[in-house]
Structures are given as structure tokens and as C-alpha cells.
PDB file of all heavy atoms in Angstrom:
ATOM      1  N   VAL A   1      13.874   0.678  -8.158  1.00  0.00           N
ATOM      2  CA  VAL A   1      13.010  -0.494  -7.991  1.00  0.00           C
ATOM      3  C   VAL A   1      12.884  -0.740  -6.495  1.00  0.00           C
ATOM      4  O   VAL A   1      13.879  -1.001  -5.812  1.00  0.00           O
ATOM      5  CB  VAL A   1      13.600  -1.719  -8.706  1.00  0.00           C
ATOM      6  CG1 VAL A   1      12.744  -2.963  -8.452  1.00  0.00           C
ATOM      7  CG2 VAL A   1      13.709  -1.461 -10.210  1.00  0.00           C
ATOM      8  N   VAL A   2      11.664  -0.620  -5.985  1.00  0.00           N
ATOM      9  CA  VAL A   2      11.459  -0.618  -4.539  1.00  0.00           C
ATOM     10  C   VAL A   2      10.440  -1.674  -4.108  1.00  0.00           C
ATOM     11  O   VAL A   2       9.655  -2.175  -4.910  1.00  0.00           O
ATOM     12  CB  VAL A   2      11.009   0.771  -4.047  1.00  0.00           C
ATOM     13  CG1 VAL A   2      12.054   1.822  -4.368  1.00  0.00           C
ATOM     14  CG2 VAL A   2       9.659   1.162  -4.655  1.00  0.00           C
ATOM     15  N   MET A   3      10.465  -1.962  -2.812  1.00  0.00           N
ATOM     16  CA  MET A   3       9.571  -2.954  -2.211  1.00  0.00           C
ATOM     17  C   MET A   3       8.695  -2.259  -1.171  1.00  0.00           C
ATOM     18  O   MET A   3       9.170  -1.420  -0.411  1.00  0.00           O
ATOM     19  CB  MET A   3      10.407  -4.064  -1.592  1.00  0.00           C
ATOM     20  CG  MET A   3      11.379  -4.676  -2.600  1.00  0.00           C
ATOM     21  SD  MET A   3      12.799  -5.475  -1.844  1.00  0.00           S
ATOM     22  CE  MET A   3      12.141  -7.112  -1.617  1.00  0.00           C
ATOM     23  N   PHE A   4       7.418  -2.661  -1.137  1.00  0.00           N
ATOM     24  CA  PHE A   4       6.449  -1.995  -0.262  1.00  0.00           C
ATOM     25  C   PHE A   4       5.217  -2.887  -0.100  1.00  0.00           C
ATOM     26  O   PHE A   4       4.959  -3.766  -0.939  1.00  0.00           O
ATOM     27  CB  PHE A   4       6.029  -0.648  -0.871  1.00  0.00           C
ATOM     28  CG  PHE A   4       5.535  -0.770  -2.294  1.00  0.00           C
ATOM     29  CD1 PHE A   4       4.194  -1.007  -2.568  1.00  0.00           C
ATOM     30  CD2 PHE A   4       6.420  -0.680  -3.363  1.00  0.00           C
ATOM     31  CE1 PHE A   4       3.741  -1.145  -3.868  1.00  0.00           C
ATOM     32  CE2 PHE A   4       5.978  -0.823  -4.673  1.00  0.00           C
ATOM     33  CZ  PHE A   4       4.642  -1.059  -4.923  1.00  0.00           C
ATOM     34  N   PRO A   5       4.415  -2.678   0.962  1.00  0.00           N
ATOM     35  CA  PRO A   5       3.174  -3.435   1.101  1.00  0.00           C
ATOM     36  C   PRO A   5       2.152  -2.970   0.065  1.00  0.00           C
ATOM     37  O   PRO A   5       2.021  -1.771  -0.188  1.00  0.00           O
ATOM     38  CB  PRO A   5       2.693  -3.101   2.520  1.00  0.00           C
ATOM     39  CG  PRO A   5       3.856  -2.484   3.199  1.00  0.00           C
ATOM     40  CD  PRO A   5       4.678  -1.836   2.139  1.00  0.00           C
ATOM     41  N   TYR A   6       1.452  -3.902  -0.528  1.00  0.00           N
ATOM     42  CA  TYR A   6       0.383  -3.600  -1.475  1.00  0.00           C
ATOM     43  C   TYR A   6      -0.614  -2.657  -0.806  1.00  0.00           C
ATOM     44  O   TYR A   6      -1.168  -2.974   0.251  1.00  0.00           O
ATOM     45  CB  TYR A   6      -0.279  -4.914  -1.869  1.00  0.00           C
ATOM     46  CG  TYR A   6      -1.499  -4.828  -2.729  1.00  0.00           C
ATOM     47  CD1 TYR A   6      -1.620  -3.904  -3.754  1.00  0.00           C
ATOM     48  CD2 TYR A   6      -2.548  -5.725  -2.531  1.00  0.00           C
ATOM     49  CE1 TYR A   6      -2.748  -3.848  -4.554  1.00  0.00           C
ATOM     50  CE2 TYR A   6      -3.681  -5.699  -3.331  1.00  0.00           C
ATOM     51  CZ  TYR A   6      -3.781  -4.758  -4.338  1.00  0.00           C
ATOM     52  OH  TYR A   6      -4.905  -4.712  -5.135  1.00  0.00           O
ATOM     53  N   PRO A   7      -0.847  -1.460  -1.354  1.00  0.00           N
ATOM     54  CA  PRO A   7      -1.680  -0.456  -0.680  1.00  0.00           C
ATOM     55  C   PRO A   7      -3.094  -0.921  -0.334  1.00  0.00           C
ATOM     56  O   PRO A   7      -3.664  -0.454   0.651  1.00  0.00           O
ATOM     57  CB  PRO A   7      -1.717   0.702  -1.695  1.00  0.00           C
ATOM     58  CG  PRO A   7      -0.458   0.562  -2.467  1.00  0.00           C
ATOM     59  CD  PRO A   7      -0.228  -0.917  -2.582  1.00  0.00           C
ATOM     60  N   VAL A   8      -3.645  -1.832  -1.113  1.00  0.00           N
ATOM     61  CA  VAL A   8      -5.036  -2.227  -0.894  1.00  0.00           C
ATOM     62  C   VAL A   8      -5.191  -3.135   0.324  1.00  0.00           C
ATOM     63  O   VAL A   8      -6.148  -2.986   1.088  1.00  0.00           O
ATOM     64  CB  VAL A   8      -5.614  -2.907  -2.150  1.00  0.00           C
ATOM     65  CG1 VAL A   8      -7.041  -3.402  -1.891  1.00  0.00           C
ATOM     66  CG2 VAL A   8      -5.617  -1.925  -3.324  1.00  0.00           C
ATOM     67  N   ASP A   9      -4.262  -4.080   0.539  1.00  0.00           N
ATOM     68  CA  ASP A   9      -4.413  -4.962   1.701  1.00  0.00           C
ATOM     69  C   ASP A   9      -3.362  -4.720   2.784  1.00  0.00           C
ATOM     70  O   ASP A   9      -3.515  -5.188   3.914  1.00  0.00           O
ATOM     71  CB  ASP A   9      -4.424  -6.439   1.292  1.00  0.00           C
ATOM     72  CG  ASP A   9      -3.075  -6.951   0.787  1.00  0.00           C
ATOM     73  OD1 ASP A   9      -2.050  -6.299   1.027  1.00  0.00           O
ATOM     74  OD2 ASP A   9      -3.061  -8.012   0.142  1.00  0.00           O
ATOM     75  N   GLY A  10      -2.298  -3.987   2.453  1.00  0.00           N
ATOM     76  CA  GLY A  10      -1.293  -3.647   3.449  1.00  0.00           C
ATOM     77  C   GLY A  10      -0.426  -4.800   3.903  1.00  0.00           C
ATOM     78  O   GLY A  10       0.367  -4.644   4.836  1.00  0.00           O
ATOM     79  N   GLU A  11      -0.549  -5.961   3.263  1.00  0.00           N
ATOM     80  CA  GLU A  11       0.187  -7.134   3.722  1.00  0.00           C
ATOM     81  C   GLU A  11       1.128  -7.687   2.657  1.00  0.00           C
ATOM     82  O   GLU A  11       2.321  -7.846   2.899  1.00  0.00           O
ATOM     83  CB  GLU A  11      -0.793  -8.223   4.175  1.00  0.00           C
ATOM     84  CG  GLU A  11      -1.651  -7.823   5.369  1.00  0.00           C
ATOM     85  CD  GLU A  11      -2.632  -8.901   5.761  1.00  0.00           C
ATOM     86  OE1 GLU A  11      -2.651  -9.964   5.106  1.00  0.00           O
ATOM     87  OE2 GLU A  11      -3.380  -8.686   6.733  1.00  0.00           O
ATOM     88  N   THR A  12       0.602  -7.987   1.479  1.00  0.00           N
ATOM     89  CA  THR A  12       1.413  -8.562   0.415  1.00  0.00           C
ATOM     90  C   THR A  12       2.519  -7.591   0.006  1.00  0.00           C
ATOM     91  O   THR A  12       2.256  -6.406  -0.187  1.00  0.00           O
ATOM     92  CB  THR A  12       0.542  -8.885  -0.813  1.00  0.00           C
ATOM     93  OG1 THR A  12      -0.587  -9.652  -0.407  1.00  0.00           O
ATOM     94  CG2 THR A  12       1.340  -9.666  -1.854  1.00  0.00           C
ATOM     95  N   ILE A  13       3.748  -8.082  -0.117  1.00  0.00           N
ATOM     96  CA  ILE A  13       4.861  -7.224  -0.502  1.00  0.00           C
ATOM     97  C   ILE A  13       4.961  -7.174  -2.025  1.00  0.00           C
ATOM     98  O   ILE A  13       5.035  -8.211  -2.686  1.00  0.00           O
ATOM     99  CB  ILE A  13       6.189  -7.725   0.099  1.00  0.00           C
ATOM    100  CG1 ILE A  13       6.094  -7.763   1.622  1.00  0.00           C
ATOM    101  CG2 ILE A  13       7.337  -6.818  -0.343  1.00  0.00           C
ATOM    102  CD1 ILE A  13       5.762  -6.443   2.263  1.00  0.00           C
ATOM    103  N   TYR A  14       4.937  -5.960  -2.569  1.00  0.00           N
ATOM    104  CA  TYR A  14       5.064  -5.737  -4.005  1.00  0.00           C
ATOM    105  C   TYR A  14       6.446  -5.167  -4.312  1.00  0.00           C
ATOM    106  O   TYR A  14       7.073  -4.533  -3.465  1.00  0.00           O
ATOM    107  CB  TYR A  14       4.003  -4.740  -4.484  1.00  0.00           C
ATOM    108  CG  TYR A  14       2.689  -5.360  -4.877  1.00  0.00           C
ATOM    109  CD1 TYR A  14       2.206  -6.499  -4.251  1.00  0.00           C
ATOM    110  CD2 TYR A  14       1.909  -4.795  -5.884  1.00  0.00           C
ATOM    111  CE1 TYR A  14       0.997  -7.062  -4.613  1.00  0.00           C
ATOM    112  CE2 TYR A  14       0.693  -5.350  -6.255  1.00  0.00           C
ATOM    113  CZ  TYR A  14       0.236  -6.487  -5.612  1.00  0.00           C
ATOM    114  OH  TYR A  14      -0.956  -7.049  -5.978  1.00  0.00           O
ATOM    115  N   ILE A  15       6.879  -5.382  -5.547  1.00  0.00           N
ATOM    116  CA  ILE A  15       8.109  -4.761  -6.026  1.00  0.00           C
ATOM    117  C   ILE A  15       7.803  -4.111  -7.373  1.00  0.00           C
ATOM    118  O   ILE A  15       7.331  -4.771  -8.292  1.00  0.00           O
ATOM    119  CB  ILE A  15       9.263  -5.776  -6.120  1.00  0.00           C
ATOM    120  CG1 ILE A  15      10.538  -5.091  -6.635  1.00  0.00           C
ATOM    121  CG2 ILE A  15       8.897  -6.978  -6.975  1.00  0.00           C
ATOM    122  CD1 ILE A  15      11.788  -5.928  -6.433  1.00  0.00           C
ATOM    123  N   LYS A  16       8.016  -2.800  -7.455  1.00  0.00           N
ATOM    124  CA  LYS A  16       7.700  -2.029  -8.671  1.00  0.00           C
ATOM    125  C   LYS A  16       8.761  -0.950  -8.867  1.00  0.00           C
ATOM    126  O   LYS A  16       9.630  -0.745  -8.032  1.00  0.00           O
ATOM    127  CB  LYS A  16       6.320  -1.364  -8.559  1.00  0.00           C
ATOM    128  CG  LYS A  16       5.161  -2.319  -8.293  1.00  0.00           C
ATOM    129  CD  LYS A  16       4.875  -3.239  -9.464  1.00  0.00           C
ATOM    130  CE  LYS A  16       3.729  -4.185  -9.145  1.00  0.00           C
ATOM    131  NZ  LYS A  16       3.533  -5.201 -10.220  1.00  0.00           N
ATOM    132  N   ARG A  17       8.614  -0.234  -9.976  1.00  0.00           N
ATOM    133  CA  ARG A  17       9.550   0.838 -10.287  1.00  0.00           C
ATOM    134  C   ARG A  17       8.915   2.197  -9.969  1.00  0.00           C
ATOM    135  O   ARG A  17       7.739   2.425 -10.286  1.00  0.00           O
ATOM    136  CB  ARG A  17       9.959   0.782 -11.759  1.00  0.00           C
ATOM    137  CG  ARG A  17      11.155   1.669 -12.097  1.00  0.00           C
ATOM    138  CD  ARG A  17      11.519   1.570 -13.568  1.00  0.00           C
ATOM    139  NE  ARG A  17      12.006   0.260 -13.954  1.00  0.00           N
ATOM    140  CZ  ARG A  17      13.275  -0.146 -13.866  1.00  0.00           C
ATOM    141  NH1 ARG A  17      14.186   0.678 -13.376  1.00  0.00           N
ATOM    142  NH2 ARG A  17      13.636  -1.351 -14.259  1.00  0.00           N
ATOM    143  N   VAL A  18       9.683   3.074  -9.350  1.00  0.00           N
ATOM    144  CA  VAL A  18       9.211   4.436  -9.058  1.00  0.00           C
ATOM    145  C   VAL A  18       9.134   5.220 -10.371  1.00  0.00           C
ATOM    146  O   VAL A  18      10.132   5.366 -11.077  1.00  0.00           O
ATOM    147  CB  VAL A  18      10.153   5.150  -8.073  1.00  0.00           C
ATOM    148  CG1 VAL A  18       9.707   6.598  -7.875  1.00  0.00           C
ATOM    149  CG2 VAL A  18      10.189   4.422  -6.740  1.00  0.00           C
ATOM    150  N   ILE A  19       7.944   5.747 -10.668  1.00  0.00           N
ATOM    151  CA  ILE A  19       7.746   6.537 -11.890  1.00  0.00           C
ATOM    152  C   ILE A  19       7.383   7.980 -11.552  1.00  0.00           C
ATOM    153  O   ILE A  19       7.966   8.926 -12.070  1.00  0.00           O
ATOM    154  CB  ILE A  19       6.660   5.917 -12.780  1.00  0.00           C
ATOM    155  CG1 ILE A  19       7.095   4.526 -13.251  1.00  0.00           C
ATOM    156  CG2 ILE A  19       6.362   6.830 -13.968  1.00  0.00           C
ATOM    157  CD1 ILE A  19       8.350   4.513 -14.116  1.00  0.00           C
ATOM    158  N   GLY A  20       6.399   8.181 -10.684  1.00  0.00           N
ATOM    159  CA  GLY A  20       5.977   9.525 -10.307  1.00  0.00           C
ATOM    160  C   GLY A  20       6.484   9.915  -8.941  1.00  0.00           C
ATOM    161  O   GLY A  20       6.380   9.141  -7.986  1.00  0.00           O
ATOM    162  N   LEU A  21       7.040  11.119  -8.820  1.00  0.00           N
ATOM    163  CA  LEU A  21       7.578  11.617  -7.559  1.00  0.00           C
ATOM    164  C   LEU A  21       6.577  12.540  -6.871  1.00  0.00           C
ATOM    165  O   LEU A  21       5.611  13.014  -7.501  1.00  0.00           O
ATOM    166  CB  LEU A  21       8.886  12.372  -7.827  1.00  0.00           C
ATOM    167  CG  LEU A  21       9.991  11.558  -8.522  1.00  0.00           C
ATOM    168  CD1 LEU A  21      11.220  12.450  -8.750  1.00  0.00           C
ATOM    169  CD2 LEU A  21      10.359  10.324  -7.726  1.00  0.00           C
ATOM    170  N   PRO A  22       6.775  12.833  -5.582  1.00  0.00           N
ATOM    171  CA  PRO A  22       5.847  13.681  -4.846  1.00  0.00           C
ATOM    172  C   PRO A  22       5.592  15.019  -5.542  1.00  0.00           C
ATOM    173  O   PRO A  22       6.525  15.703  -5.969  1.00  0.00           O
ATOM    174  CB  PRO A  22       6.555  13.887  -3.503  1.00  0.00           C
ATOM    175  CG  PRO A  22       7.392  12.663  -3.336  1.00  0.00           C
ATOM    176  CD  PRO A  22       7.857  12.318  -4.716  1.00  0.00           C
ATOM    177  N   GLY A  23       4.296  15.372  -5.662  1.00  0.00           N
ATOM    178  CA  GLY A  23       3.917  16.659  -6.242  1.00  0.00           C
ATOM    179  C   GLY A  23       3.853  16.693  -7.754  1.00  0.00           C
ATOM    180  O   GLY A  23       3.448  17.712  -8.336  1.00  0.00           O
ATOM    181  N   GLU A  24       4.211  15.623  -8.437  1.00  0.00           N
ATOM    182  CA  GLU A  24       4.223  15.620  -9.900  1.00  0.00           C
ATOM    183  C   GLU A  24       2.860  15.260 -10.492  1.00  0.00           C
ATOM    184  O   GLU A  24       2.052  14.552  -9.877  1.00  0.00           O
ATOM    185  CB  GLU A  24       5.269  14.626 -10.432  1.00  0.00           C
ATOM    186  CG  GLU A  24       6.698  15.056 -10.202  1.00  0.00           C
ATOM    187  CD  GLU A  24       7.696  14.103 -10.831  1.00  0.00           C
ATOM    188  OE1 GLU A  24       7.343  12.921 -11.068  1.00  0.00           O
ATOM    189  OE2 GLU A  24       8.837  14.530 -11.080  1.00  0.00           O
ATOM    190  N   LYS A  25       2.641  15.746 -11.696  1.00  0.00           N
ATOM    191  CA  LYS A  25       1.496  15.326 -12.489  1.00  0.00           C
ATOM    192  C   LYS A  25       2.000  14.325 -13.524  1.00  0.00           C
ATOM    193  O   LYS A  25       2.896  14.633 -14.323  1.00  0.00           O
ATOM    194  CB  LYS A  25       0.847  16.520 -13.187  1.00  0.00           C
ATOM    195  CG  LYS A  25      -0.367  16.147 -14.032  1.00  0.00           C
ATOM    196  CD  LYS A  25      -0.980  17.394 -14.685  1.00  0.00           C
ATOM    197  CE  LYS A  25      -2.203  17.043 -15.516  1.00  0.00           C
ATOM    198  NZ  LYS A  25      -2.790  18.259 -16.154  1.00  0.00           N
ATOM    199  N   VAL A  26       1.443  13.132 -13.486  1.00  0.00           N
ATOM    200  CA  VAL A  26       1.890  12.063 -14.383  1.00  0.00           C
ATOM    201  C   VAL A  26       0.742  11.707 -15.324  1.00  0.00           C
ATOM    202  O   VAL A  26      -0.358  11.369 -14.879  1.00  0.00           O
ATOM    203  CB  VAL A  26       2.316  10.816 -13.586  1.00  0.00           C
ATOM    204  CG1 VAL A  26       2.785   9.710 -14.535  1.00  0.00           C
ATOM    205  CG2 VAL A  26       3.409  11.163 -12.584  1.00  0.00           C
TER     206      VAL A  26
END
């Protein structure tokens, strides 16, 4: 469960669960 800026506006901090890893097809 990680925290990061919302990709669309780059400002609001979101907290979500990591589901797909680099290079994977989900």
C-alpha cells in the first residue's frame, strides 16, 4: 500500500495498493 501524487494533476496525494508490476500484462 503506497502513497504517490495523483498522475493526472501531480499534486493530490493518493494511497492505493500495488497490483501490476513493471513489464506485466494485467
